[in-house]
C-alpha atoms as a PDB file:
ATOM      1  CA  UNK A   1      11.292 -27.243  23.721  1.00  0.00           C
ATOM      2  CA  UNK A   2       9.353 -29.221  21.105  1.00  0.00           C
ATOM      3  CA  UNK A   3      11.308 -32.395  21.893  1.00  0.00           C
ATOM      4  CA  UNK A   4      10.655 -31.950  25.580  1.00  0.00           C
ATOM      5  CA  UNK A   5       6.937 -31.406  25.056  1.00  0.00           C
ATOM      6  CA  UNK A   6       6.582 -34.273  22.605  1.00  0.00           C
ATOM      7  CA  UNK A   7       8.613 -36.900  24.450  1.00  0.00           C
ATOM      8  CA  UNK A   8       8.915 -35.906  28.104  1.00  0.00           C
ATOM      9  CA  UNK A   9       5.601 -34.244  28.827  1.00  0.00           C
ATOM     10  CA  UNK A  10       5.439 -35.603  32.378  1.00  0.00           C
ATOM     11  CA  UNK A  11       8.632 -33.626  33.180  1.00  0.00           C
ATOM     12  CA  UNK A  12       7.345 -30.398  31.660  1.00  0.00           C
ATOM     13  CA  UNK A  13       7.520 -27.241  33.761  1.00  0.00           C
ATOM     14  CA  UNK A  14       4.403 -25.440  32.651  1.00  0.00           C
ATOM     15  CA  UNK A  15       5.629 -22.111  33.998  1.00  0.00           C
ATOM     16  CA  UNK A  16       8.375 -22.160  31.364  1.00  0.00           C
ATOM     17  CA  UNK A  17       5.812 -22.774  28.631  1.00  0.00           C
ATOM     18  CA  UNK A  18       3.554 -20.014  29.933  1.00  0.00           C
ATOM     19  CA  UNK A  19       6.480 -17.584  30.071  1.00  0.00           C
ATOM     20  CA  UNK A  20       7.515 -18.515  26.529  1.00  0.00           C
ATOM     21  CA  UNK A  21       3.999 -17.929  25.234  1.00  0.00           C
ATOM     22  CA  UNK A  22       3.637 -14.651  27.110  1.00  0.00           C
ATOM     23  CA  UNK A  23       7.083 -13.215  26.330  1.00  0.00           C
ATOM     24  CA  UNK A  24       8.313 -14.752  23.070  1.00  0.00           C
ATOM     25  CA  UNK A  25       5.239 -15.344  20.932  1.00  0.00           C
ATOM     26  CA  UNK A  26       3.902 -11.755  20.715  1.00  0.00           C
ATOM     27  CA  UNK A  27       7.161 -10.331  19.273  1.00  0.00           C
ATOM     28  CA  UNK A  28       7.304 -13.256  16.841  1.00  0.00           C
ATOM     29  CA  UNK A  29       3.737 -12.587  15.676  1.00  0.00           C
ATOM     30  CA  UNK A  30       4.553  -8.894  15.211  1.00  0.00           C
ATOM     31  CA  UNK A  31       7.648  -9.739  13.168  1.00  0.00           C
ATOM     32  CA  UNK A  32       5.693 -12.117  10.936  1.00  0.00           C
ATOM     33  CA  UNK A  33       3.015  -9.468  10.389  1.00  0.00           C
ATOM     34  CA  UNK A  34       5.685  -6.925   9.383  1.00  0.00           C
ATOM     35  CA  UNK A  35       7.155  -9.415   6.914  1.00  0.00           C
ATOM     36  CA  UNK A  36       3.741 -10.168   5.435  1.00  0.00           C
ATOM     37  CA  UNK A  37       2.942  -6.457   5.142  1.00  0.00           C
ATOM     38  CA  UNK A  38       6.215  -5.902   3.330  1.00  0.00           C
ATOM     39  CA  UNK A  39       5.495  -8.769   0.918  1.00  0.00           C
ATOM     40  CA  UNK A  40       1.980  -7.599   0.044  1.00  0.00           C
ATOM     41  CA  UNK A  41       3.043  -4.096  -1.031  1.00  0.00           C
END
């Protein structure tokens, strides 16, 4: 996706980006928080 956004931004389907942000980012943030919590104990 990064390559597409960086080099072909006129072809970008913004619905795909919105869905990625809405569906994939929150679980990633939660996983990173769990890892950080584990490391700070």
